[in-house]
C-alpha atoms as a PDB file:
ATOM      1  CA  UNK A   1       0.000   0.000   0.000  1.00  0.00           C
ATOM      2  CA  UNK A   2       2.756   2.367   1.003  1.00  0.00           C
ATOM      3  CA  UNK A   3       4.639   1.397  -2.177  1.00  0.00           C
ATOM      4  CA  UNK A   4       1.643   2.270  -4.376  1.00  0.00           C
ATOM      5  CA  UNK A   5       1.244   5.668  -2.696  1.00  0.00           C
ATOM      6  CA  UNK A   6       4.938   6.484  -3.181  1.00  0.00           C
ATOM      7  CA  UNK A   7       4.746   5.342  -6.834  1.00  0.00           C
ATOM      8  CA  UNK A   8       1.666   7.502  -7.403  1.00  0.00           C
ATOM      9  CA  UNK A   9       3.357  10.469  -5.703  1.00  0.00           C
ATOM     10  CA  UNK A  10       6.476  10.072  -7.883  1.00  0.00           C
ATOM     11  CA  UNK A  11       4.280   9.787 -10.965  1.00  0.00           C
ATOM     12  CA  UNK A  12       2.380  12.998 -10.079  1.00  0.00           C
ATOM     13  CA  UNK A  13       5.649  14.871  -9.359  1.00  0.00           C
ATOM     14  CA  UNK A  14       7.102  13.740 -12.708  1.00  0.00           C
ATOM     15  CA  UNK A  15       3.915  14.633 -14.543  1.00  0.00           C
ATOM     16  CA  UNK A  16       3.827  18.129 -13.052  1.00  0.00           C
ATOM     17  CA  UNK A  17       7.556  18.709 -13.629  1.00  0.00           C
ATOM     18  CA  UNK A  18       7.262  17.702 -17.310  1.00  0.00           C
ATOM     19  CA  UNK A  19       5.225  20.770 -18.099  1.00  0.00           C
ATOM     20  CA  UNK A  20       7.002  22.280 -21.107  1.00  0.00           C
ATOM     21  CA  UNK A  21       7.322  25.980 -21.649  1.00  0.00           C
ATOM     22  CA  UNK A  22       7.380  25.983 -25.433  1.00  0.00           C
ATOM     23  CA  UNK A  23       5.802  29.397 -25.949  1.00  0.00           C
ATOM     24  CA  UNK A  24       8.571  31.937 -25.984  1.00  0.00           C
ATOM     25  CA  UNK A  25       8.452  35.645 -25.344  1.00  0.00           C
ATOM     26  CA  UNK A  26       7.579  37.823 -28.298  1.00  0.00           C
ATOM     27  CA  UNK A  27      10.774  39.291 -29.796  1.00  0.00           C
ATOM     28  CA  UNK A  28      11.138  43.051 -29.868  1.00  0.00           C
ATOM     29  CA  UNK A  29      11.508  43.159 -33.655  1.00  0.00           C
ATOM     30  CA  UNK A  30       8.874  40.512 -34.460  1.00  0.00           C
ATOM     31  CA  UNK A  31       7.894  40.390 -38.120  1.00  0.00           C
ATOM     32  CA  UNK A  32       4.106  40.904 -38.399  1.00  0.00           C
ATOM     33  CA  UNK A  33       2.064  37.871 -39.455  1.00  0.00           C
ATOM     34  CA  UNK A  34       1.090  39.192 -42.889  1.00  0.00           C
ATOM     35  CA  UNK A  35       4.679  40.149 -43.699  1.00  0.00           C
ATOM     36  CA  UNK A  36       5.917  36.834 -42.335  1.00  0.00           C
ATOM     37  CA  UNK A  37       3.590  34.991 -44.712  1.00  0.00           C
ATOM     38  CA  UNK A  38       5.100  36.861 -47.672  1.00  0.00           C
ATOM     39  CA  UNK A  39       8.646  36.226 -46.419  1.00  0.00           C
ATOM     40  CA  UNK A  40       7.916  32.512 -45.998  1.00  0.00           C
ATOM     41  CA  UNK A  41       6.413  32.335 -49.493  1.00  0.00           C
ATOM     42  CA  UNK A  42       9.483  33.947 -51.020  1.00  0.00           C
ATOM     43  CA  UNK A  43      11.800  31.747 -48.979  1.00  0.00           C
ATOM     44  CA  UNK A  44      10.000  28.614 -50.180  1.00  0.00           C
ATOM     45  CA  UNK A  45      10.397  29.820 -53.766  1.00  0.00           C
ATOM     46  CA  UNK A  46      14.064  30.676 -53.185  1.00  0.00           C
ATOM     47  CA  UNK A  47      14.661  27.293 -51.638  1.00  0.00           C
ATOM     48  CA  UNK A  48      12.992  25.514 -54.563  1.00  0.00           C
ATOM     49  CA  UNK A  49      14.963  27.576 -57.089  1.00  0.00           C
ATOM     50  CA  UNK A  50      18.283  26.231 -55.831  1.00  0.00           C
ATOM     51  CA  UNK A  51      18.081  23.227 -58.157  1.00  0.00           C
ATOM     52  CA  UNK A  52      17.048  25.216 -61.241  1.00  0.00           C
ATOM     53  CA  UNK A  53      19.558  26.757 -63.640  1.00  0.00           C
ATOM     54  CA  UNK A  54      19.458  30.526 -63.880  1.00  0.00           C
ATOM     55  CA  UNK A  55      20.163  32.667 -66.970  1.00  0.00           C
ATOM     56  CA  UNK A  56      23.893  32.158 -66.481  1.00  0.00           C
ATOM     57  CA  UNK A  57      23.329  28.364 -66.431  1.00  0.00           C
ATOM     58  CA  UNK A  58      24.333  28.179 -62.755  1.00  0.00           C
ATOM     59  CA  UNK A  59      22.784  25.791 -60.260  1.00  0.00           C
ATOM     60  CA  UNK A  60      22.867  25.775 -56.470  1.00  0.00           C
ATOM     61  CA  UNK A  61      22.667  29.550 -56.160  1.00  0.00           C
ATOM     62  CA  UNK A  62      21.346  30.745 -52.810  1.00  0.00           C
ATOM     63  CA  UNK A  63      18.599  33.300 -53.259  1.00  0.00           C
ATOM     64  CA  UNK A  64      17.935  33.660 -49.519  1.00  0.00           C
ATOM     65  CA  UNK A  65      19.913  36.922 -49.198  1.00  0.00           C
ATOM     66  CA  UNK A  66      17.818  38.396 -52.011  1.00  0.00           C
ATOM     67  CA  UNK A  67      14.637  37.564 -50.101  1.00  0.00           C
ATOM     68  CA  UNK A  68      15.979  39.169 -46.933  1.00  0.00           C
ATOM     69  CA  UNK A  69      16.989  42.257 -48.918  1.00  0.00           C
ATOM     70  CA  UNK A  70      13.584  42.434 -50.643  1.00  0.00           C
ATOM     71  CA  UNK A  71      11.744  42.437 -47.317  1.00  0.00           C
ATOM     72  CA  UNK A  72      14.348  44.642 -45.591  1.00  0.00           C
ATOM     73  CA  UNK A  73      15.095  42.137 -42.838  1.00  0.00           C
ATOM     74  CA  UNK A  74      18.162  40.189 -41.793  1.00  0.00           C
ATOM     75  CA  UNK A  75      18.481  36.468 -41.221  1.00  0.00           C
ATOM     76  CA  UNK A  76      18.616  36.882 -37.439  1.00  0.00           C
ATOM     77  CA  UNK A  77      15.347  38.815 -37.337  1.00  0.00           C
ATOM     78  CA  UNK A  78      13.707  36.185 -39.516  1.00  0.00           C
ATOM     79  CA  UNK A  79      15.115  33.391 -37.385  1.00  0.00           C
ATOM     80  CA  UNK A  80      13.858  34.841 -34.092  1.00  0.00           C
ATOM     81  CA  UNK A  81      10.439  35.653 -35.566  1.00  0.00           C
ATOM     82  CA  UNK A  82      10.140  32.214 -37.153  1.00  0.00           C
ATOM     83  CA  UNK A  83      11.177  30.542 -33.878  1.00  0.00           C
ATOM     84  CA  UNK A  84       8.516  32.511 -32.023  1.00  0.00           C
ATOM     85  CA  UNK A  85       5.763  31.652 -34.541  1.00  0.00           C
ATOM     86  CA  UNK A  86       6.770  27.976 -34.601  1.00  0.00           C
ATOM     87  CA  UNK A  87       6.344  27.858 -30.833  1.00  0.00           C
ATOM     88  CA  UNK A  88       2.715  28.927 -31.320  1.00  0.00           C
ATOM     89  CA  UNK A  89       1.383  26.155 -33.548  1.00  0.00           C
ATOM     90  CA  UNK A  90      -2.160  27.512 -33.558  1.00  0.00           C
ATOM     91  CA  UNK A  91      -0.831  30.737 -35.117  1.00  0.00           C
ATOM     92  CA  UNK A  92       1.811  29.178 -37.375  1.00  0.00           C
ATOM     93  CA  UNK A  93      -0.375  26.552 -39.062  1.00  0.00           C
ATOM     94  CA  UNK A  94      -2.817  29.085 -40.607  1.00  0.00           C
ATOM     95  CA  UNK A  95       0.182  31.093 -41.789  1.00  0.00           C
ATOM     96  CA  UNK A  96       1.599  28.025 -43.555  1.00  0.00           C
ATOM     97  CA  UNK A  97      -1.813  27.303 -45.079  1.00  0.00           C
ATOM     98  CA  UNK A  98      -1.926  30.872 -46.408  1.00  0.00           C
ATOM     99  CA  UNK A  99       1.572  30.457 -47.870  1.00  0.00           C
ATOM    100  CA  UNK A 100       0.421  27.292 -49.643  1.00  0.00           C
ATOM    101  CA  UNK A 101      -2.629  29.034 -51.094  1.00  0.00           C
ATOM    102  CA  UNK A 102      -0.496  31.970 -52.307  1.00  0.00           C
ATOM    103  CA  UNK A 103       1.926  29.564 -53.984  1.00  0.00           C
ATOM    104  CA  UNK A 104      -0.945  27.692 -55.631  1.00  0.00           C
ATOM    105  CA  UNK A 105      -2.385  30.975 -56.959  1.00  0.00           C
ATOM    106  CA  UNK A 106       1.005  31.958 -58.381  1.00  0.00           C
ATOM    107  CA  UNK A 107       1.379  28.529 -59.937  1.00  0.00           C
ATOM    108  CA  UNK A 108      -2.004  28.941 -61.661  1.00  0.00           C
ATOM    109  CA  UNK A 109      -1.057  32.404 -62.943  1.00  0.00           C
ATOM    110  CA  UNK A 110       2.231  31.156 -64.379  1.00  0.00           C
ATOM    111  CA  UNK A 111       0.539  28.084 -65.864  1.00  0.00           C
ATOM    112  CA  UNK A 112      -1.886  30.405 -67.716  1.00  0.00           C
ATOM    113  CA  UNK A 113       0.994  32.579 -68.912  1.00  0.00           C
ATOM    114  CA  UNK A 114       2.861  29.518 -70.151  1.00  0.00           C
ATOM    115  CA  UNK A 115      -0.274  28.287 -71.911  1.00  0.00           C
ATOM    116  CA  UNK A 116      -0.701  31.668 -73.647  1.00  0.00           C
ATOM    117  CA  UNK A 117       2.971  31.780 -74.599  1.00  0.00           C
ATOM    118  CA  UNK A 118       2.796  28.262 -76.005  1.00  0.00           C
ATOM    119  CA  UNK A 119      -0.361  29.085 -77.994  1.00  0.00           C
ATOM    120  CA  UNK A 120       1.261  32.237 -79.389  1.00  0.00           C
ATOM    121  CA  UNK A 121       4.297  30.210 -80.385  1.00  0.00           C
ATOM    122  CA  UNK A 122       2.122  27.519 -81.961  1.00  0.00           C
ATOM    123  CA  UNK A 123       0.101  30.161 -83.863  1.00  0.00           C
ATOM    124  CA  UNK A 124       3.284  31.854 -85.066  1.00  0.00           C
ATOM    125  CA  UNK A 125       4.709  28.585 -86.319  1.00  0.00           C
ATOM    126  CA  UNK A 126       1.420  27.794 -88.075  1.00  0.00           C
ATOM    127  CA  UNK A 127       1.409  31.231 -89.762  1.00  0.00           C
ATOM    128  CA  UNK A 128       5.007  30.785 -90.895  1.00  0.00           C
ATOM    129  CA  UNK A 129       4.225  27.343 -92.299  1.00  0.00           C
ATOM    130  CA  UNK A 130       1.158  28.747 -94.081  1.00  0.00           C
ATOM    131  CA  UNK A 131       3.237  31.551 -95.606  1.00  0.00           C
ATOM    132  CA  UNK A 132       5.886  29.090 -96.736  1.00  0.00           C
ATOM    133  CA  UNK A 133       3.245  26.897 -98.408  1.00  0.00           C
ATOM    134  CA  UNK A 134       1.639  29.926-100.077  1.00  0.00           C
ATOM    135  CA  UNK A 135       5.014  31.070-101.370  1.00  0.00           C
ATOM    136  CA  UNK A 136       5.736  27.568-102.674  1.00  0.00           C
ATOM    137  CA  UNK A 137       2.430  27.617-104.584  1.00  0.00           C
ATOM    138  CA  UNK A 138       3.232  31.062-105.990  1.00  0.00           C
ATOM    139  CA  UNK A 139       6.643  29.820-107.037  1.00  0.00           C
ATOM    140  CA  UNK A 140       5.086  26.824-108.808  1.00  0.00           C
ATOM    141  CA  UNK A 141       2.554  29.066-110.552  1.00  0.00           C
ATOM    142  CA  UNK A 142       5.194  31.571-111.581  1.00  0.00           C
ATOM    143  CA  UNK A 143       7.493  28.766-112.782  1.00  0.00           C
ATOM    144  CA  UNK A 144       4.640  27.380-114.897  1.00  0.00           C
ATOM    145  CA  UNK A 145       3.833  30.832-116.184  1.00  0.00           C
ATOM    146  CA  UNK A 146       7.470  31.395-117.117  1.00  0.00           C
ATOM    147  CA  UNK A 147       7.501  28.113-119.031  1.00  0.00           C
ATOM    148  CA  UNK A 148       4.358  29.121-120.951  1.00  0.00           C
ATOM    149  CA  UNK A 149       5.809  32.529-121.777  1.00  0.00           C
ATOM    150  CA  UNK A 150       9.045  30.927-122.937  1.00  0.00           C
ATOM    151  CA  UNK A 151       7.212  28.422-125.137  1.00  0.00           C
ATOM    152  CA  UNK A 152       4.971  31.210-126.544  1.00  0.00           C
ATOM    153  CA  UNK A 153       8.036  33.307-127.397  1.00  0.00           C
ATOM    154  CA  UNK A 154       9.606  30.338-129.164  1.00  0.00           C
ATOM    155  CA  UNK A 155       6.427  29.928-131.216  1.00  0.00           C
ATOM    156  CA  UNK A 156       6.497  33.614-132.196  1.00  0.00           C
ATOM    157  CA  UNK A 157      10.084  33.435-133.410  1.00  0.00           C
END
């Protein structure tokens, strides 16, 4: 009996002492939620762009400093703000969901632009092919006409 009470007491003490303090104090220079969403979106894009060749045919270029410069923050400010928001899951999860929706909207916009560009290219190629065929027909007609004129001239002489 005494053993059970001491085990229960130890269990309660351990349970109470395991209380985690995972919510940290708000940093002085905390990035606002709406700005943080935009920073996260750009950082996801910059991270994904590492494996893609740029105009200079370079891979593995870090675009993170460009994102920090665009939003006028430094990596330390982002890190402390991100750490704070991560500690508050109920705040961070909707932010991540908003980032995902923004990225999906951008993907749709660029897919439409690519579709338009491809259709313009396809139309241009079709017009060029049509012009080439028309010119070939004109050339055949003019060659035939030249032959007739030549034969007519021979008949006149």
